[in-house]
Each structure stands twice: as C-alpha cells, then as structure tokens.
All heavy atoms as atom14 arrays in JSON, in Angstrom:
{
  "sequence": "DRDFVAAISRSGGVTYYVDSVKGRFTISRDNAK",
  "atom14_mask": [
    [1, 1, 1, 1, 1, 1, 1, 1, 0, 0, 0, 0, 0, 0],
    [1, 1, 1, 1, 1, 1, 1, 1, 1, 1, 1, 0, 0, 0],
    [1, 1, 1, 1, 1, 1, 1, 1, 0, 0, 0, 0, 0, 0],
    [1, 1, 1, 1, 1, 1, 1, 1, 1, 1, 1, 0, 0, 0],
    [1, 1, 1, 1, 1, 1, 1, 0, 0, 0, 0, 0, 0, 0],
    [1, 1, 1, 1, 1, 0, 0, 0, 0, 0, 0, 0, 0, 0],
    [1, 1, 1, 1, 1, 0, 0, 0, 0, 0, 0, 0, 0, 0],
    [1, 1, 1, 1, 1, 1, 1, 1, 0, 0, 0, 0, 0, 0],
    [1, 1, 1, 1, 1, 1, 0, 0, 0, 0, 0, 0, 0, 0],
    [1, 1, 1, 1, 1, 1, 1, 1, 1, 1, 1, 0, 0, 0],
    [1, 1, 1, 1, 1, 1, 0, 0, 0, 0, 0, 0, 0, 0],
    [1, 1, 1, 1, 0, 0, 0, 0, 0, 0, 0, 0, 0, 0],
    [1, 1, 1, 1, 0, 0, 0, 0, 0, 0, 0, 0, 0, 0],
    [1, 1, 1, 1, 1, 1, 1, 0, 0, 0, 0, 0, 0, 0],
    [1, 1, 1, 1, 1, 1, 1, 0, 0, 0, 0, 0, 0, 0],
    [1, 1, 1, 1, 1, 1, 1, 1, 1, 1, 1, 1, 0, 0],
    [1, 1, 1, 1, 1, 1, 1, 1, 1, 1, 1, 1, 0, 0],
    [1, 1, 1, 1, 1, 1, 1, 0, 0, 0, 0, 0, 0, 0],
    [1, 1, 1, 1, 1, 1, 1, 1, 0, 0, 0, 0, 0, 0],
    [1, 1, 1, 1, 1, 1, 0, 0, 0, 0, 0, 0, 0, 0],
    [1, 1, 1, 1, 1, 1, 1, 0, 0, 0, 0, 0, 0, 0],
    [1, 1, 1, 1, 1, 1, 1, 1, 1, 0, 0, 0, 0, 0],
    [1, 1, 1, 1, 0, 0, 0, 0, 0, 0, 0, 0, 0, 0],
    [1, 1, 1, 1, 1, 1, 1, 1, 1, 1, 1, 0, 0, 0],
    [1, 1, 1, 1, 1, 1, 1, 1, 1, 1, 1, 0, 0, 0],
    [1, 1, 1, 1, 1, 1, 1, 0, 0, 0, 0, 0, 0, 0],
    [1, 1, 1, 1, 1, 1, 1, 1, 0, 0, 0, 0, 0, 0],
    [1, 1, 1, 1, 1, 1, 0, 0, 0, 0, 0, 0, 0, 0],
    [1, 1, 1, 1, 1, 1, 1, 1, 1, 1, 1, 0, 0, 0],
    [1, 1, 1, 1, 1, 1, 1, 1, 0, 0, 0, 0, 0, 0],
    [1, 1, 1, 1, 1, 1, 1, 1, 0, 0, 0, 0, 0, 0],
    [1, 1, 1, 1, 1, 0, 0, 0, 0, 0, 0, 0, 0, 0],
    [1, 1, 1, 1, 1, 1, 1, 1, 1, 0, 0, 0, 0, 0]
  ],
  "atom14_positions": [
    [[76.27, 56.52, 155.62], [77.12, 57.52, 156.24], [78.58, 57.27, 155.89], [78.95, 56.17, 155.47], [76.95, 57.48, 157.76], [75.58, 57.93, 158.21], [74.94, 58.7, 157.45], [75.16, 57.52, 159.3], [0.0, 0.0, 0.0], [0.0, 0.0, 0.0], [0.0, 0.0, 0.0], [0.0, 0.0, 0.0], [0.0, 0.0, 0.0], [0.0, 0.0, 0.0]],
    [[79.4, 58.27, 156.12], [80.84, 58.12, 155.95], [81.39, 57.39, 157.17], [81.21, 57.84, 158.31], [81.5, 59.48, 155.8], [82.95, 59.41, 155.39], [83.5, 60.78, 155.06], [82.83, 61.39, 153.92], [83.23, 62.52, 153.36], [84.28, 63.16, 153.83], [82.56, 63.02, 152.33], [0.0, 0.0, 0.0], [0.0, 0.0, 0.0], [0.0, 0.0, 0.0]],
    [[82.05, 56.28, 156.93], [82.52, 55.41, 158.01], [84.04, 55.37, 158.1], [84.74, 55.43, 157.09], [82.03, 53.97, 157.79], [80.52, 53.85, 157.93], [79.92, 54.6, 158.72], [79.95, 52.98, 157.25], [0.0, 0.0, 0.0], [0.0, 0.0, 0.0], [0.0, 0.0, 0.0], [0.0, 0.0, 0.0], [0.0, 0.0, 0.0], [0.0, 0.0, 0.0]],
    [[84.52, 55.22, 159.32], [85.95, 55.08, 159.57], [86.46, 53.76, 159.0], [85.78, 52.72, 159.1], [86.2, 55.11, 161.07], [87.58, 54.74, 161.47], [88.62, 55.64, 161.36], [87.86, 53.46, 161.95], [89.91, 55.3, 161.73], [89.14, 53.09, 162.31], [90.17, 54.02, 162.2], [0.0, 0.0, 0.0], [0.0, 0.0, 0.0], [0.0, 0.0, 0.0]],
    [[87.67, 53.79, 158.43], [88.31, 52.58, 157.92], [89.61, 52.3, 158.67], [89.81, 51.21, 159.21], [88.59, 52.69, 156.42], [89.34, 51.45, 155.92], [87.31, 52.88, 155.63], [0.0, 0.0, 0.0], [0.0, 0.0, 0.0], [0.0, 0.0, 0.0], [0.0, 0.0, 0.0], [0.0, 0.0, 0.0], [0.0, 0.0, 0.0], [0.0, 0.0, 0.0]],
    [[90.51, 53.29, 158.68], [91.82, 53.08, 159.28], [92.42, 54.43, 159.66], [92.08, 55.45, 159.06], [92.75, 52.35, 158.32], [0.0, 0.0, 0.0], [0.0, 0.0, 0.0], [0.0, 0.0, 0.0], [0.0, 0.0, 0.0], [0.0, 0.0, 0.0], [0.0, 0.0, 0.0], [0.0, 0.0, 0.0], [0.0, 0.0, 0.0], [0.0, 0.0, 0.0]],
    [[93.32, 54.39, 160.64], [94.01, 55.61, 161.07], [95.45, 55.29, 161.39], [95.8, 54.15, 161.74], [93.31, 56.23, 162.27], [0.0, 0.0, 0.0], [0.0, 0.0, 0.0], [0.0, 0.0, 0.0], [0.0, 0.0, 0.0], [0.0, 0.0, 0.0], [0.0, 0.0, 0.0], [0.0, 0.0, 0.0], [0.0, 0.0, 0.0], [0.0, 0.0, 0.0]],
    [[96.3, 56.33, 161.31], [97.71, 56.16, 161.58], [98.21, 57.39, 162.32], [97.8, 58.52, 162.03], [98.49, 55.92, 160.28], [99.93, 55.53, 160.55], [98.4, 57.13, 159.34], [100.64, 54.95, 159.33], [0.0, 0.0, 0.0], [0.0, 0.0, 0.0], [0.0, 0.0, 0.0], [0.0, 0.0, 0.0], [0.0, 0.0, 0.0], [0.0, 0.0, 0.0]],
    [[99.08, 57.16, 163.3], [99.62, 58.26, 164.08], [100.61, 59.09, 163.25], [101.04, 58.67, 162.17], [100.33, 57.72, 165.33], [101.41, 56.89, 164.96], [0.0, 0.0, 0.0], [0.0, 0.0, 0.0], [0.0, 0.0, 0.0], [0.0, 0.0, 0.0], [0.0, 0.0, 0.0], [0.0, 0.0, 0.0], [0.0, 0.0, 0.0], [0.0, 0.0, 0.0]],
    [[100.99, 60.22, 163.78], [101.89, 61.11, 163.04], [103.22, 60.44, 162.75], [103.84, 60.71, 161.72], [102.11, 62.42, 163.81], [102.72, 62.26, 165.18], [102.98, 63.61, 165.83], [104.15, 64.26, 165.24], [104.71, 65.37, 165.71], [104.18, 65.96, 166.79], [105.75, 65.91, 165.13], [0.0, 0.0, 0.0], [0.0, 0.0, 0.0], [0.0, 0.0, 0.0]],
    [[103.67, 59.59, 163.64], [104.95, 58.9, 163.44], [104.81, 57.67, 162.55], [105.8, 57.15, 162.03], [105.51, 58.45, 164.79], [104.67, 57.43, 165.34], [0.0, 0.0, 0.0], [0.0, 0.0, 0.0], [0.0, 0.0, 0.0], [0.0, 0.0, 0.0], [0.0, 0.0, 0.0], [0.0, 0.0, 0.0], [0.0, 0.0, 0.0], [0.0, 0.0, 0.0]],
    [[103.59, 57.17, 162.43], [103.37, 55.93, 161.7], [103.48, 54.7, 162.59], [103.23, 53.58, 162.14], [0.0, 0.0, 0.0], [0.0, 0.0, 0.0], [0.0, 0.0, 0.0], [0.0, 0.0, 0.0], [0.0, 0.0, 0.0], [0.0, 0.0, 0.0], [0.0, 0.0, 0.0], [0.0, 0.0, 0.0], [0.0, 0.0, 0.0], [0.0, 0.0, 0.0]],
    [[103.81, 54.9, 163.85], [104.04, 53.77, 164.74], [102.8, 53.14, 165.31], [102.84, 52.02, 165.83], [0.0, 0.0, 0.0], [0.0, 0.0, 0.0], [0.0, 0.0, 0.0], [0.0, 0.0, 0.0], [0.0, 0.0, 0.0], [0.0, 0.0, 0.0], [0.0, 0.0, 0.0], [0.0, 0.0, 0.0], [0.0, 0.0, 0.0], [0.0, 0.0, 0.0]],
    [[101.69, 53.85, 165.23], [100.43, 53.33, 165.76], [99.39, 53.35, 164.65], [99.23, 54.35, 163.94], [99.92, 54.17, 166.95], [98.59, 53.63, 167.46], [100.96, 54.19, 168.07], [0.0, 0.0, 0.0], [0.0, 0.0, 0.0], [0.0, 0.0, 0.0], [0.0, 0.0, 0.0], [0.0, 0.0, 0.0], [0.0, 0.0, 0.0], [0.0, 0.0, 0.0]],
    [[98.71, 52.24, 164.47], [97.63, 52.14, 163.48], [96.4, 51.53, 164.14], [96.5, 50.85, 165.17], [98.04, 51.29, 162.27], [98.4, 49.98, 162.72], [99.2, 51.92, 161.52], [0.0, 0.0, 0.0], [0.0, 0.0, 0.0], [0.0, 0.0, 0.0], [0.0, 0.0, 0.0], [0.0, 0.0, 0.0], [0.0, 0.0, 0.0], [0.0, 0.0, 0.0]],
    [[95.25, 51.8, 163.53], [94.0, 51.26, 164.05], [93.04, 51.05, 162.89], [93.02, 51.86, 161.95], [93.39, 52.24, 165.06], [92.18, 51.7, 165.78], [92.32, 50.78, 166.8], [90.9, 52.11, 165.42], [91.21, 50.26, 167.45], [89.78, 51.6, 166.07], [89.95, 50.67, 167.07], [88.85, 50.16, 167.72], [0.0, 0.0, 0.0], [0.0, 0.0, 0.0]],
    [[92.27, 49.95, 162.96], [91.39, 49.58, 161.86], [89.98, 49.24, 162.36], [89.83, 48.71, 163.48], [91.93, 48.34, 161.13], [93.32, 48.52, 160.57], [94.44, 48.22, 161.32], [93.5, 48.98, 159.26], [95.72, 48.38, 160.82], [94.77, 49.15, 158.74], [95.87, 48.84, 159.52], [97.13, 49.01, 159.01], [0.0, 0.0, 0.0], [0.0, 0.0, 0.0]],
    [[89.01, 49.48, 161.51], [87.68, 48.96, 161.79], [87.75, 47.44, 161.65], [88.54, 46.9, 160.86], [86.65, 49.58, 160.81], [86.88, 49.12, 159.4], [85.25, 49.27, 161.27], [0.0, 0.0, 0.0], [0.0, 0.0, 0.0], [0.0, 0.0, 0.0], [0.0, 0.0, 0.0], [0.0, 0.0, 0.0], [0.0, 0.0, 0.0], [0.0, 0.0, 0.0]],
    [[86.95, 46.74, 162.44], [87.05, 45.28, 162.49], [86.88, 44.63, 161.11], [87.54, 43.63, 160.8], [85.99, 44.71, 163.44], [86.36, 44.91, 164.9], [87.51, 45.26, 165.18], [85.46, 44.72, 165.74], [0.0, 0.0, 0.0], [0.0, 0.0, 0.0], [0.0, 0.0, 0.0], [0.0, 0.0, 0.0], [0.0, 0.0, 0.0], [0.0, 0.0, 0.0]],
    [[86.03, 45.2, 160.28], [85.71, 44.56, 159.0], [86.87, 44.53, 158.03], [86.82, 43.8, 157.03], [84.51, 45.26, 158.36], [84.79, 46.62, 158.12], [0.0, 0.0, 0.0], [0.0, 0.0, 0.0], [0.0, 0.0, 0.0], [0.0, 0.0, 0.0], [0.0, 0.0, 0.0], [0.0, 0.0, 0.0], [0.0, 0.0, 0.0], [0.0, 0.0, 0.0]],
    [[87.93, 45.33, 158.27], [89.06, 45.34, 157.34], [90.35, 44.82, 157.96], [91.36, 44.7, 157.28], [89.31, 46.75, 156.75], [88.03, 47.32, 156.17], [89.92, 47.69, 157.77], [0.0, 0.0, 0.0], [0.0, 0.0, 0.0], [0.0, 0.0, 0.0], [0.0, 0.0, 0.0], [0.0, 0.0, 0.0], [0.0, 0.0, 0.0], [0.0, 0.0, 0.0]],
    [[90.3, 44.5, 159.24], [91.5, 43.99, 159.92], [92.01, 42.73, 159.23], [91.25, 41.83, 158.91], [91.2, 43.7, 161.38], [91.1, 44.93, 162.24], [90.81, 44.56, 163.7], [90.69, 45.81, 164.55], [90.33, 45.48, 165.95], [0.0, 0.0, 0.0], [0.0, 0.0, 0.0], [0.0, 0.0, 0.0], [0.0, 0.0, 0.0], [0.0, 0.0, 0.0]],
    [[93.32, 42.69, 159.0], [93.92, 41.55, 158.33], [93.88, 41.63, 156.81], [94.53, 40.83, 156.14], [0.0, 0.0, 0.0], [0.0, 0.0, 0.0], [0.0, 0.0, 0.0], [0.0, 0.0, 0.0], [0.0, 0.0, 0.0], [0.0, 0.0, 0.0], [0.0, 0.0, 0.0], [0.0, 0.0, 0.0], [0.0, 0.0, 0.0], [0.0, 0.0, 0.0]],
    [[93.12, 42.58, 156.26], [93.03, 42.75, 154.81], [93.61, 44.08, 154.34], [94.19, 44.16, 153.27], [91.58, 42.65, 154.35], [90.89, 41.33, 154.69], [89.52, 41.23, 154.02], [88.59, 42.26, 154.47], [87.98, 43.13, 153.66], [88.22, 43.09, 152.35], [87.14, 44.03, 154.15], [0.0, 0.0, 0.0], [0.0, 0.0, 0.0], [0.0, 0.0, 0.0]],
    [[93.42, 45.12, 155.13], [93.89, 46.46, 154.76], [95.08, 46.85, 155.63], [95.16, 46.47, 156.81], [92.79, 47.49, 154.99], [91.63, 47.42, 154.04], [91.43, 46.34, 153.2], [90.7, 48.45, 153.99], [90.35, 46.27, 152.32], [89.61, 48.42, 153.13], [89.44, 47.31, 152.31], [0.0, 0.0, 0.0], [0.0, 0.0, 0.0], [0.0, 0.0, 0.0]],
    [[95.97, 47.64, 155.05], [97.11, 48.16, 155.8], [97.28, 49.64, 155.49], [97.41, 50.02, 154.32], [98.4, 47.42, 155.43], [98.25, 46.01, 155.68], [99.58, 47.94, 156.25], [0.0, 0.0, 0.0], [0.0, 0.0, 0.0], [0.0, 0.0, 0.0], [0.0, 0.0, 0.0], [0.0, 0.0, 0.0], [0.0, 0.0, 0.0], [0.0, 0.0, 0.0]],
    [[97.3, 50.45, 156.53], [97.56, 51.88, 156.37], [99.03, 52.13, 156.68], [99.61, 51.54, 157.59], [96.64, 52.72, 157.29], [96.79, 54.21, 156.97], [96.89, 52.42, 158.76], [95.76, 55.09, 157.69], [0.0, 0.0, 0.0], [0.0, 0.0, 0.0], [0.0, 0.0, 0.0], [0.0, 0.0, 0.0], [0.0, 0.0, 0.0], [0.0, 0.0, 0.0]],
    [[99.64, 53.01, 155.9], [101.03, 53.37, 156.12], [101.23, 54.81, 155.65], [100.37, 55.39, 155.0], [101.97, 52.43, 155.38], [101.76, 52.48, 153.98], [0.0, 0.0, 0.0], [0.0, 0.0, 0.0], [0.0, 0.0, 0.0], [0.0, 0.0, 0.0], [0.0, 0.0, 0.0], [0.0, 0.0, 0.0], [0.0, 0.0, 0.0], [0.0, 0.0, 0.0]],
    [[102.38, 55.37, 155.99], [102.67, 56.72, 155.56], [104.16, 56.86, 155.29], [104.99, 56.19, 155.91], [102.2, 57.74, 156.6], [102.93, 57.71, 157.92], [102.21, 58.58, 158.96], [102.22, 59.99, 158.59], [101.43, 60.9, 159.13], [100.54, 60.54, 160.06], [101.5, 62.17, 158.77], [0.0, 0.0, 0.0], [0.0, 0.0, 0.0], [0.0, 0.0, 0.0]],
    [[104.46, 57.78, 154.37], [105.83, 58.14, 154.06], [105.92, 59.65, 154.27], [105.51, 60.43, 153.39], [106.16, 57.74, 152.62], [107.62, 58.01, 152.26], [108.26, 58.84, 152.92], [108.09, 57.38, 151.31], [0.0, 0.0, 0.0], [0.0, 0.0, 0.0], [0.0, 0.0, 0.0], [0.0, 0.0, 0.0], [0.0, 0.0, 0.0], [0.0, 0.0, 0.0]],
    [[106.42, 60.05, 155.4], [106.46, 61.48, 155.73], [107.4, 62.26, 154.82], [107.19, 63.46, 154.6], [106.82, 61.68, 157.19], [105.67, 61.33, 158.12], [104.52, 61.25, 157.71], [105.99, 61.08, 159.39], [0.0, 0.0, 0.0], [0.0, 0.0, 0.0], [0.0, 0.0, 0.0], [0.0, 0.0, 0.0], [0.0, 0.0, 0.0], [0.0, 0.0, 0.0]],
    [[108.39, 61.6, 154.28], [109.3, 62.28, 153.35], [108.6, 62.63, 152.04], [108.97, 63.59, 151.37], [110.51, 61.4, 153.07], [0.0, 0.0, 0.0], [0.0, 0.0, 0.0], [0.0, 0.0, 0.0], [0.0, 0.0, 0.0], [0.0, 0.0, 0.0], [0.0, 0.0, 0.0], [0.0, 0.0, 0.0], [0.0, 0.0, 0.0], [0.0, 0.0, 0.0]],
    [[107.57, 61.85, 151.7], [106.82, 62.08, 150.46], [105.47, 62.73, 150.73], [104.68, 62.92, 149.8], [106.61, 60.76, 149.72], [107.9, 60.13, 149.22], [107.61, 58.86, 148.44], [108.89, 58.25, 147.89], [108.64, 57.0, 147.13], [0.0, 0.0, 0.0], [0.0, 0.0, 0.0], [0.0, 0.0, 0.0], [0.0, 0.0, 0.0], [0.0, 0.0, 0.0]]
  ]
}
C-alpha cells in the first residue's frame, strides 16, 4: 500500500514523520519557490 512518510504544515513550522524515518529524513518547504 501507499504509506505515509512525512508531513509539513502550511507554515513549515510543524513536521511529522513515520517512526521508521525519524532522524534520517527531513521534510521542508520553500513557499517562495
């Protein structure tokens, strides 16, 4: 199945990760781009 990996709020101030990628993956966003 398609599984969740990471999410980020509209501001970028809140992030959340599945346990298996915590500490290895980082989600970020550049709203200007």
